[in-house]
C-alpha atoms as a PDB file:
ATOM      1  CA  MET A   1      64.965  44.957 204.170  1.00  0.00           C
ATOM      2  CA  ARG A   2      68.717  44.875 203.569  1.00  0.00           C
ATOM      3  CA  LEU A   3      70.746  42.142 201.879  1.00  0.00           C
ATOM      4  CA  ALA A   4      72.268  40.985 205.186  1.00  0.00           C
ATOM      5  CA  ASP A   5      68.784  40.617 206.747  1.00  0.00           C
ATOM      6  CA  TRP A   6      67.253  38.561 203.916  1.00  0.00           C
ATOM      7  CA  PRO A   7      65.155  35.637 205.230  1.00  0.00           C
ATOM      8  CA  ARG A   8      66.098  32.000 204.687  1.00  0.00           C
ATOM      9  CA  MET A   9      63.736  31.426 201.732  1.00  0.00           C
ATOM     10  CA  PRO A  10      63.968  32.023 198.871  1.00  0.00           C
ATOM     11  CA  PHE A  11      67.578  31.148 199.590  1.00  0.00           C
ATOM     12  CA  LEU A  12      70.267  33.635 198.541  1.00  0.00           C
ATOM     13  CA  SER A  13      73.690  31.993 198.443  1.00  0.00           C
ATOM     14  CA  GLU A  14      76.775  33.578 199.975  1.00  0.00           C
ATOM     15  CA  GLU A  15      78.213  33.796 196.478  1.00  0.00           C
ATOM     16  CA  LEU A  16      75.231  35.770 195.163  1.00  0.00           C
ATOM     17  CA  CYS A  17      75.165  38.109 198.176  1.00  0.00           C
ATOM     18  CA  GLY A  18      78.932  38.622 197.875  1.00  0.00           C
ATOM     19  CA  TRP A  19      78.735  39.495 194.171  1.00  0.00           C
ATOM     20  CA  ILE A  20      75.895  41.972 194.741  1.00  0.00           C
ATOM     21  CA  SER A  21      77.797  43.551 197.665  1.00  0.00           C
ATOM     22  CA  GLU A  22      80.876  43.850 195.436  1.00  0.00           C
ATOM     23  CA  HIS A  23      78.839  45.575 192.707  1.00  0.00           C
ATOM     24  CA  LEU A  24      77.337  48.009 195.218  1.00  0.00           C
ATOM     25  CA  ALA A  25      80.789  48.835 196.609  1.00  0.00           C
ATOM     26  CA  THR A  26      82.160  49.415 193.095  1.00  0.00           C
ATOM     27  CA  LEU A  27      79.254  51.758 192.327  1.00  0.00           C
ATOM     28  CA  GLY A  28      79.759  53.506 195.670  1.00  0.00           C
ATOM     29  CA  VAL A  29      76.131  53.008 196.716  1.00  0.00           C
ATOM     30  CA  GLU A  30      74.287  51.094 199.414  1.00  0.00           C
ATOM     31  CA  GLU A  31      71.117  49.128 199.090  1.00  0.00           C
ATOM     32  CA  ILE A  32      68.029  50.776 200.554  1.00  0.00           C
ATOM     33  CA  ALA A  33      65.816  47.722 200.076  1.00  0.00           C
ATOM     34  CA  ILE A  34      65.919  44.424 198.188  1.00  0.00           C
ATOM     35  CA  TYR A  35      63.524  41.740 197.061  1.00  0.00           C
ATOM     36  CA  ALA A  36      64.241  38.318 195.538  1.00  0.00           C
ATOM     37  CA  VAL A  37      62.134  35.650 193.851  1.00  0.00           C
ATOM     38  CA  GLU A  38      62.882  32.203 192.460  1.00  0.00           C
ATOM     39  CA  PHE A  39      63.697  32.357 188.780  1.00  0.00           C
ATOM     40  CA  GLY A  40      64.394  29.883 185.994  1.00  0.00           C
ATOM     41  CA  PRO A  41      62.897  26.634 184.706  1.00  0.00           C
ATOM     42  CA  ASP A  42      63.682  24.629 187.856  1.00  0.00           C
ATOM     43  CA  ASP A  43      63.509  27.609 190.243  1.00  0.00           C
ATOM     44  CA  ASP A  44      67.259  27.186 190.732  1.00  0.00           C
ATOM     45  CA  GLY A  45      67.980  30.801 189.807  1.00  0.00           C
ATOM     46  CA  ARG A  46      67.058  34.032 191.526  1.00  0.00           C
ATOM     47  CA  ARG A  47      65.838  37.407 190.368  1.00  0.00           C
ATOM     48  CA  VAL A  48      66.929  40.090 192.798  1.00  0.00           C
ATOM     49  CA  LEU A  49      65.854  43.732 192.670  1.00  0.00           C
ATOM     50  CA  VAL A  50      68.051  46.107 194.656  1.00  0.00           C
ATOM     51  CA  ALA A  51      66.825  49.644 195.336  1.00  0.00           C
ATOM     52  CA  THR A  52      69.627  52.200 195.693  1.00  0.00           C
ATOM     53  CA  GLU A  53      69.588  55.965 195.938  1.00  0.00           C
ATOM     54  CA  VAL A  54      70.684  56.317 192.292  1.00  0.00           C
ATOM     55  CA  GLY A  55      68.579  53.638 190.606  1.00  0.00           C
ATOM     56  CA  LEU A  56      67.160  50.138 190.561  1.00  0.00           C
ATOM     57  CA  LEU A  57      69.527  47.197 190.033  1.00  0.00           C
ATOM     58  CA  ASP A  58      67.760  44.276 188.344  1.00  0.00           C
ATOM     59  CA  TYR A  59      69.731  41.022 188.720  1.00  0.00           C
ATOM     60  CA  ARG A  60      69.243  37.542 187.326  1.00  0.00           C
ATOM     61  CA  TYR A  61      71.387  34.818 188.901  1.00  0.00           C
ATOM     62  CA  GLY A  62      71.398  31.202 187.797  1.00  0.00           C
ATOM     63  CA  PRO A  63      73.215  28.312 186.156  1.00  0.00           C
ATOM     64  CA  ARG A  64      74.955  28.763 182.795  1.00  0.00           C
ATOM     65  CA  ALA A  65      75.349  25.653 180.627  1.00  0.00           C
ATOM     66  CA  SER A  66      75.572  23.435 183.738  1.00  0.00           C
ATOM     67  CA  THR A  67      74.520  23.688 187.357  1.00  0.00           C
ATOM     68  CA  ALA A  68      78.201  23.903 188.316  1.00  0.00           C
ATOM     69  CA  ARG A  69      78.585  27.267 186.551  1.00  0.00           C
ATOM     70  CA  PHE A  70      76.443  30.041 188.019  1.00  0.00           C
ATOM     71  CA  ALA A  71      76.561  33.646 186.817  1.00  0.00           C
ATOM     72  CA  ILE A  72      74.874  36.920 187.616  1.00  0.00           C
ATOM     73  CA  GLU A  73      73.652  39.498 185.116  1.00  0.00           C
ATOM     74  CA  GLY A  74      72.545  42.897 186.271  1.00  0.00           C
ATOM     75  CA  ARG A  75      71.183  46.083 184.832  1.00  0.00           C
ATOM     76  CA  MET A  76      70.842  49.466 186.495  1.00  0.00           C
ATOM     77  CA  LEU A  77      67.778  51.478 185.652  1.00  0.00           C
ATOM     78  CA  PRO A  78      67.594  55.125 186.700  1.00  0.00           C
ATOM     79  CA  TRP A  79      64.523  55.721 188.842  1.00  0.00           C
ATOM     80  CA  GLN A  80      63.058  57.921 186.085  1.00  0.00           C
ATOM     81  CA  ALA A  81      62.789  54.787 183.896  1.00  0.00           C
ATOM     82  CA  VAL A  82      60.888  52.725 186.488  1.00  0.00           C
ATOM     83  CA  ARG A  83      57.152  52.704 185.755  1.00  0.00           C
ATOM     84  CA  GLY A  84      53.903  51.365 187.127  1.00  0.00           C
ATOM     85  CA  VAL A  85      54.737  50.427 190.728  1.00  0.00           C
ATOM     86  CA  ASP A  86      51.587  48.799 192.126  1.00  0.00           C
ATOM     87  CA  LEU A  87      51.516  47.362 195.664  1.00  0.00           C
ATOM     88  CA  ARG A  88      48.402  45.550 196.858  1.00  0.00           C
ATOM     89  CA  VAL A  89      47.663  44.095 200.261  1.00  0.00           C
ATOM     90  CA  VAL A  90      44.779  41.919 201.458  1.00  0.00           C
ATOM     91  CA  THR A  91      44.286  40.669 204.999  1.00  0.00           C
ATOM     92  CA  PHE A  92      41.690  37.982 205.633  1.00  0.00           C
ATOM     93  CA  ARG A  93      40.446  36.043 208.650  1.00  0.00           C
ATOM     94  CA  LEU A  94      41.254  32.345 208.866  1.00  0.00           C
ATOM     95  CA  TRP A  95      39.671  31.576 212.246  1.00  0.00           C
ATOM     96  CA  ALA A  96      38.311  33.608 215.128  1.00  0.00           C
ATOM     97  CA  LEU A  97      41.620  35.211 216.170  1.00  0.00           C
ATOM     98  CA  GLU A  98      43.816  34.200 213.263  1.00  0.00           C
ATOM     99  CA  HIS A  99      44.392  36.094 210.045  1.00  0.00           C
ATOM    100  CA  ARG A 100      46.728  36.073 207.063  1.00  0.00           C
ATOM    101  CA  THR A 101      47.986  38.919 204.880  1.00  0.00           C
ATOM    102  CA  ARG A 102      48.867  38.602 201.213  1.00  0.00           C
ATOM    103  CA  TRP A 103      51.228  41.145 199.672  1.00  0.00           C
ATOM    104  CA  ALA A 104      51.498  41.541 195.904  1.00  0.00           C
ATOM    105  CA  LEU A 105      53.777  43.869 193.966  1.00  0.00           C
ATOM    106  CA  GLN A 106      53.785  44.515 190.255  1.00  0.00           C
ATOM    107  CA  VAL A 107      56.147  46.819 188.406  1.00  0.00           C
ATOM    108  CA  ARG A 108      55.377  47.512 184.765  1.00  0.00           C
ATOM    109  CA  ARG A 109      58.945  48.529 183.866  1.00  0.00           C
ATOM    110  CA  PRO A 110      61.103  46.563 184.447  1.00  0.00           C
ATOM    111  CA  ALA A 111      58.476  43.811 184.304  1.00  0.00           C
ATOM    112  CA  PHE A 112      58.304  42.227 187.756  1.00  0.00           C
ATOM    113  CA  LYS A 113      55.631  40.454 189.789  1.00  0.00           C
ATOM    114  CA  ALA A 114      55.844  39.001 193.271  1.00  0.00           C
ATOM    115  CA  ALA A 115      53.347  37.887 195.884  1.00  0.00           C
ATOM    116  CA  THR A 116      53.696  36.322 199.309  1.00  0.00           C
ATOM    117  CA  GLU A 117      51.799  35.395 202.445  1.00  0.00           C
ATOM    118  CA  ASP A 118      54.992  34.836 204.447  1.00  0.00           C
ATOM    119  CA  PRO A 119      55.186  37.587 207.125  1.00  0.00           C
ATOM    120  CA  GLN A 120      58.956  38.112 206.707  1.00  0.00           C
ATOM    121  CA  LEU A 121      58.769  38.269 202.929  1.00  0.00           C
ATOM    122  CA  GLY A 122      55.693  40.496 203.208  1.00  0.00           C
ATOM    123  CA  HIS A 123      57.755  42.910 205.287  1.00  0.00           C
ATOM    124  CA  ALA A 124      60.537  42.822 202.659  1.00  0.00           C
ATOM    125  CA  LEU A 125      58.066  43.340 199.801  1.00  0.00           C
ATOM    126  CA  ALA A 126      56.435  46.272 201.589  1.00  0.00           C
ATOM    127  CA  ASP A 127      59.847  47.872 202.279  1.00  0.00           C
ATOM    128  CA  PHE A 128      60.907  47.444 198.672  1.00  0.00           C
ATOM    129  CA  ALA A 129      57.593  48.767 197.290  1.00  0.00           C
ATOM    130  CA  LYS A 130      57.733  51.801 199.595  1.00  0.00           C
ATOM    131  CA  VAL A 131      61.137  52.776 198.216  1.00  0.00           C
ATOM    132  CA  ALA A 132      60.075  52.118 194.607  1.00  0.00           C
ATOM    133  CA  VAL A 133      56.906  54.203 194.963  1.00  0.00           C
ATOM    134  CA  ILE A 134      58.868  57.126 196.396  1.00  0.00           C
ATOM    135  CA  MET A 135      61.729  56.950 193.903  1.00  0.00           C
ATOM    136  CA  ALA A 136      59.994  55.933 190.630  1.00  0.00           C
ATOM    137  CA  GLU A 137      58.925  58.520 188.067  1.00  0.00           C
ATOM    138  CA  PRO A 138      56.478  59.898 187.264  1.00  0.00           C
ATOM    139  CA  ALA A 139      54.758  60.376 190.581  1.00  0.00           C
ATOM    140  CA  GLY A 140      51.108  59.430 190.667  1.00  0.00           C
ATOM    141  CA  TRP A 141      49.235  57.043 188.405  1.00  0.00           C
ATOM    142  CA  PRO A 142      51.295  55.318 185.714  1.00  0.00           C
ATOM    143  CA  GLN A 143      50.890  56.763 182.214  1.00  0.00           C
ATOM    144  CA  PRO A 144      50.141  54.538 179.225  1.00  0.00           C
ATOM    145  CA  GLU A 145      53.123  53.224 177.232  1.00  0.00           C
ATOM    146  CA  ASP A 146      52.147  55.323 174.193  1.00  0.00           C
ATOM    147  CA  GLY A 147      52.852  58.455 176.243  1.00  0.00           C
ATOM    148  CA  GLN A 148      49.393  59.964 175.695  1.00  0.00           C
ATOM    149  CA  VAL A 149      47.693  61.381 178.746  1.00  0.00           C
ATOM    150  CA  ARG A 150      44.132  60.194 179.199  1.00  0.00           C
ATOM    151  CA  VAL A 151      41.677  62.163 181.313  1.00  0.00           C
ATOM    152  CA  ASP A 152      38.575  60.642 182.836  1.00  0.00           C
ATOM    153  CA  SER A 153      35.852  63.132 181.880  1.00  0.00           C
ATOM    154  CA  SER A 154      33.773  62.243 184.945  1.00  0.00           C
ATOM    155  CA  SER A 155      36.515  63.511 187.257  1.00  0.00           C
ATOM    156  CA  LYS A 156      37.588  66.473 185.115  1.00  0.00           C
ATOM    157  CA  PRO A 157      36.964  69.738 186.968  1.00  0.00           C
ATOM    158  CA  ALA A 158      34.859  72.360 185.247  1.00  0.00           C
ATOM    159  CA  GLN A 159      36.987  75.054 183.670  1.00  0.00           C
ATOM    160  CA  ALA A 160      36.047  78.705 183.701  1.00  0.00           C
ATOM    161  CA  ALA A 161      35.674  80.370 180.325  1.00  0.00           C
ATOM    162  CA  VAL A 162      38.847  82.263 179.576  1.00  0.00           C
ATOM    163  CA  PRO A 163      38.729  84.972 176.934  1.00  0.00           C
ATOM    164  CA  PRO A 164      41.257  84.499 174.143  1.00  0.00           C
ATOM    165  CA  ILE A 165      44.460  86.467 174.362  1.00  0.00           C
ATOM    166  CA  ARG A 166      44.603  89.168 171.731  1.00  0.00           C
ATOM    167  CA  PRO A 167      47.900  90.418 170.390  1.00  0.00           C
ATOM    168  CA  ALA A 168      48.905  93.984 171.188  1.00  0.00           C
ATOM    169  CA  GLY A 169      48.668  96.542 168.416  1.00  0.00           C
ATOM    170  CA  PRO A 170      46.207  96.921 165.547  1.00  0.00           C
ATOM    171  CA  SER A 171      43.969  93.981 164.751  1.00  0.00           C
ATOM    172  CA  PRO A 172      44.398  92.439 161.285  1.00  0.00           C
ATOM    173  CA  ALA A 173      40.592  92.198 160.838  1.00  0.00           C
ATOM    174  CA  VAL A 174      37.742  94.248 162.219  1.00  0.00           C
ATOM    175  CA  SER A 175      34.240  92.903 162.811  1.00  0.00           C
ATOM    176  CA  ALA A 176      31.508  94.922 161.170  1.00  0.00           C
ATOM    177  CA  PRO A 177      27.865  94.602 162.275  1.00  0.00           C
ATOM    178  CA  VAL A 178      25.605  93.053 159.653  1.00  0.00           C
ATOM    179  CA  GLY A 179      22.384  92.802 161.576  1.00  0.00           C
ATOM    180  CA  PRO A 180      21.091  92.194 165.080  1.00  0.00           C
ATOM    181  CA  GLY A 181      23.538  89.806 166.808  1.00  0.00           C
ATOM    182  CA  VAL A 182      25.375  88.968 163.547  1.00  0.00           C
ATOM    183  CA  THR A 183      28.784  90.282 162.588  1.00  0.00           C
ATOM    184  CA  ARG A 184      31.086  89.645 159.674  1.00  0.00           C
ATOM    185  CA  ALA A 185      34.785  90.158 159.288  1.00  0.00           C
ATOM    186  CA  ALA A 186      35.709  93.204 157.245  1.00  0.00           C
ATOM    187  CA  SER A 187      39.060  93.588 155.601  1.00  0.00           C
ATOM    188  CA  ARG A 188      41.323  96.333 156.775  1.00  0.00           C
ATOM    189  CA  PRO A 189      42.862  98.546 154.215  1.00  0.00           C
ATOM    190  CA  GLN A 190      46.482  97.627 153.624  1.00  0.00           C
ATOM    191  CA  SER A 191      49.062 100.372 153.751  1.00  0.00           C
END
Protein backbone atom coordinates (compact mmCIF):
# COMPACT_ATOMS: atom_id res chain seq x y z
CA MET A 1 0.00 0.00 0.00
CA ARG A 2 1.26 3.48 -0.85
CA LEU A 3 1.14 6.60 1.32
CA ALA A 4 -1.62 8.18 -0.79
CA ASP A 5 -3.80 5.04 -0.42
CA TRP A 6 -3.50 4.75 3.37
CA PRO A 7 -6.86 3.95 5.03
CA ARG A 8 -8.65 6.36 7.35
CA MET A 9 -7.48 4.71 10.60
CA PRO A 10 -4.99 4.92 12.13
CA PHE A 11 -5.23 8.49 10.91
CA LEU A 12 -2.21 9.98 9.14
CA SER A 13 -2.41 13.77 9.03
CA GLU A 14 -1.73 15.78 5.88
CA GLU A 15 1.25 17.29 7.67
CA LEU A 16 2.78 13.88 8.40
CA CYS A 17 2.16 12.59 4.86
CA GLY A 18 3.60 15.81 3.43
CA TRP A 19 6.78 15.59 5.53
CA ILE A 20 7.33 11.94 4.58
CA SER A 21 6.74 12.76 0.89
CA GLU A 22 9.25 15.61 1.17
CA HIS A 23 11.86 13.28 2.70
CA LEU A 24 11.32 10.70 -0.04
CA ALA A 25 11.69 13.36 -2.74
CA THR A 26 14.90 14.66 -1.14
CA LEU A 27 16.31 11.12 -1.05
CA GLY A 28 15.20 10.57 -4.65
CA VAL A 29 13.27 7.40 -3.79
CA GLU A 30 9.64 6.30 -3.82
CA GLU A 31 7.83 4.27 -1.24
CA ILE A 32 7.14 0.66 -2.21
CA ALA A 33 4.95 -0.03 0.82
CA ILE A 34 4.14 1.59 4.16
CA TYR A 35 2.61 0.63 7.47
CA ALA A 36 1.60 2.83 10.42
CA VAL A 37 0.55 2.18 14.00
CA GLU A 38 -0.56 4.40 16.86
CA PHE A 39 2.36 5.39 19.04
CA GLY A 40 2.88 7.29 22.28
CA PRO A 41 1.30 7.39 25.74
CA ASP A 42 -2.09 8.67 24.53
CA ASP A 43 -1.86 7.07 21.06
CA ASP A 44 -1.60 10.60 19.67
CA GLY A 45 1.61 9.83 17.79
CA ARG A 46 2.30 7.51 14.90
CA ARG A 47 5.07 5.10 14.02
CA VAL A 48 5.36 4.76 10.27
CA LEU A 49 7.60 2.29 8.46
CA VAL A 50 8.27 3.12 4.81
CA ALA A 51 9.83 0.49 2.56
CA THR A 52 11.93 1.93 -0.28
CA GLU A 53 14.23 0.31 -2.79
CA VAL A 54 17.32 1.47 -0.86
CA GLY A 55 16.26 0.82 2.73
CA LEU A 56 13.64 0.99 5.45
CA LEU A 57 12.64 4.40 6.83
CA ASP A 58 11.50 4.16 10.45
CA TYR A 59 9.55 7.26 11.53
CA ARG A 60 8.13 8.38 14.85
CA TYR A 61 5.71 11.32 14.71
CA GLY A 62 4.12 12.93 17.74
CA PRO A 63 3.81 15.91 20.05
CA ARG A 64 6.91 17.59 21.49
CA ALA A 65 6.50 19.42 24.81
CA SER A 66 2.87 20.28 23.95
CA THR A 67 0.21 18.91 21.65
CA ALA A 68 0.53 22.08 19.55
CA ARG A 69 4.10 21.18 18.53
CA PHE A 70 4.38 17.96 16.53
CA ALA A 71 7.65 16.67 15.07
CA ILE A 72 8.84 13.72 13.06
CA GLU A 73 12.04 11.75 13.61
CA GLY A 74 13.19 9.24 11.07
CA ARG A 75 16.00 6.80 10.56
CA MET A 76 16.97 4.95 7.41
CA LEU A 77 18.18 1.41 7.81
CA PRO A 78 19.79 -0.36 4.87
CA TRP A 79 17.93 -3.57 4.08
CA GLN A 80 21.01 -5.58 5.14
CA ALA A 81 20.43 -4.33 8.72
CA VAL A 82 16.78 -5.42 8.88
CA ARG A 83 16.40 -8.73 10.72
CA GLY A 84 13.78 -11.24 11.74
CA VAL A 85 10.78 -10.40 9.53
CA ASP A 86 7.97 -12.69 10.69
CA LEU A 87 4.48 -12.46 9.15
CA ARG A 88 1.70 -14.63 10.55
CA VAL A 89 -1.86 -14.98 9.35
CA VAL A 90 -4.83 -16.79 10.90
CA THR A 91 -8.30 -17.02 9.39
CA PHE A 92 -11.14 -18.31 11.55
CA ARG A 93 -14.86 -18.88 11.10
CA LEU A 94 -17.27 -16.63 12.98
CA TRP A 95 -20.56 -18.03 11.67
CA ALA A 96 -21.60 -20.35 8.87
CA LEU A 97 -20.50 -18.11 5.97
CA GLU A 98 -18.58 -15.46 7.85
CA HIS A 99 -14.89 -15.45 8.71
CA ARG A 100 -12.23 -13.07 9.97
CA THR A 101 -8.50 -12.93 9.27
CA ARG A 102 -5.88 -11.69 11.70
CA TRP A 103 -2.55 -10.48 10.35
CA ALA A 104 0.46 -10.08 12.63
CA LEU A 105 3.92 -8.82 11.72
CA GLN A 106 6.99 -8.76 13.90
CA VAL A 107 10.39 -7.42 12.91
CA ARG A 108 13.26 -8.10 15.28
CA ARG A 109 15.42 -5.21 14.01
CA PRO A 110 14.22 -2.49 14.08
CA ALA A 111 11.88 -3.72 16.83
CA PHE A 112 8.33 -3.51 15.48
CA LYS A 113 5.08 -5.36 16.11
CA ALA A 114 1.69 -4.86 14.52
CA ALA A 115 -1.50 -6.88 14.28
CA THR A 116 -4.89 -6.21 12.76
CA GLU A 117 -8.19 -7.81 11.82
CA ASP A 118 -9.23 -4.85 9.66
CA PRO A 119 -9.28 -6.05 6.00
CA GLN A 120 -7.74 -2.81 4.64
CA LEU A 121 -4.99 -2.73 7.23
CA GLY A 122 -4.45 -6.46 6.73
CA HIS A 123 -3.85 -5.77 3.04
CA ALA A 124 -1.38 -3.00 3.95
CA LEU A 125 0.42 -5.21 6.48
CA ALA A 126 0.70 -8.05 3.98
CA ASP A 127 2.07 -5.69 1.29
CA PHE A 128 4.61 -4.24 3.70
CA ALA A 129 5.68 -7.68 5.00
CA LYS A 130 6.07 -9.00 1.45
CA VAL A 131 8.50 -6.21 0.60
CA ALA A 132 10.39 -6.59 3.89
CA VAL A 133 10.77 -10.36 3.46
CA ILE A 134 12.14 -9.92 -0.06
CA MET A 135 14.48 -7.04 0.78
CA ALA A 136 15.73 -7.91 4.30
CA GLU A 137 19.01 -9.74 4.84
CA PRO A 138 19.92 -12.46 5.40
CA ALA A 139 17.46 -14.50 3.40
CA GLY A 140 15.91 -17.42 5.22
CA TRP A 141 15.51 -17.93 8.94
CA PRO A 142 16.78 -15.12 11.17
CA GLN A 143 20.13 -15.79 12.84
CA PRO A 144 20.62 -15.29 16.58
CA GLU A 145 21.87 -11.88 17.74
CA ASP A 146 25.20 -13.37 18.88
CA GLY A 147 25.97 -14.21 15.25
CA GLN A 148 26.54 -17.92 15.90
CA VAL A 149 24.90 -20.31 13.49
CA ARG A 150 22.95 -23.08 15.17
CA VAL A 151 22.16 -26.30 13.34
CA ASP A 152 19.34 -28.61 14.32
CA SER A 153 21.02 -32.03 14.39
CA SER A 154 17.76 -33.80 13.54
CA SER A 155 17.60 -32.04 10.18
CA LYS A 156 21.33 -32.12 9.43
CA PRO A 157 22.02 -34.19 6.32
CA ALA A 158 24.48 -37.05 6.62
CA GLN A 159 27.88 -36.10 5.28
CA ALA A 160 30.05 -38.47 3.30
CA ALA A 161 33.47 -39.22 4.74
CA VAL A 162 36.00 -37.07 2.96
CA PRO A 163 39.65 -38.07 3.15
CA PRO A 164 41.92 -35.35 4.49
CA ILE A 165 43.82 -33.29 1.98
CA ARG A 166 47.51 -34.06 2.07
CA PRO A 167 50.07 -31.48 1.06
CA ALA A 168 52.09 -32.11 -2.08
CA GLY A 169 55.70 -33.16 -1.67
CA PRO A 170 57.42 -35.30 0.96
CA SER A 171 55.52 -36.04 4.14
CA PRO A 172 57.07 -34.71 7.36
CA ALA A 173 56.33 -38.02 9.17
CA VAL A 174 56.03 -41.57 7.93
CA SER A 175 53.89 -44.24 9.59
CA ALA A 176 55.75 -47.41 10.43
CA PRO A 177 53.89 -50.67 11.14
CA VAL A 178 54.21 -51.85 14.73
CA GLY A 179 51.91 -54.83 14.69
CA PRO A 180 48.71 -56.04 13.09
CA GLY A 181 46.47 -52.98 12.52
CA VAL A 182 48.68 -50.69 14.66
CA THR A 183 51.04 -48.07 13.31
CA ARG A 184 53.24 -45.47 14.92
CA ALA A 185 54.72 -42.30 13.57
CA ALA A 186 58.41 -42.56 12.76
CA SER A 187 60.63 -39.54 12.48
CA ARG A 188 62.13 -38.73 9.15
CA PRO A 189 65.78 -38.04 9.00
CA GLN A 190 66.45 -34.33 8.71
CA SER A 191 68.78 -33.15 6.00
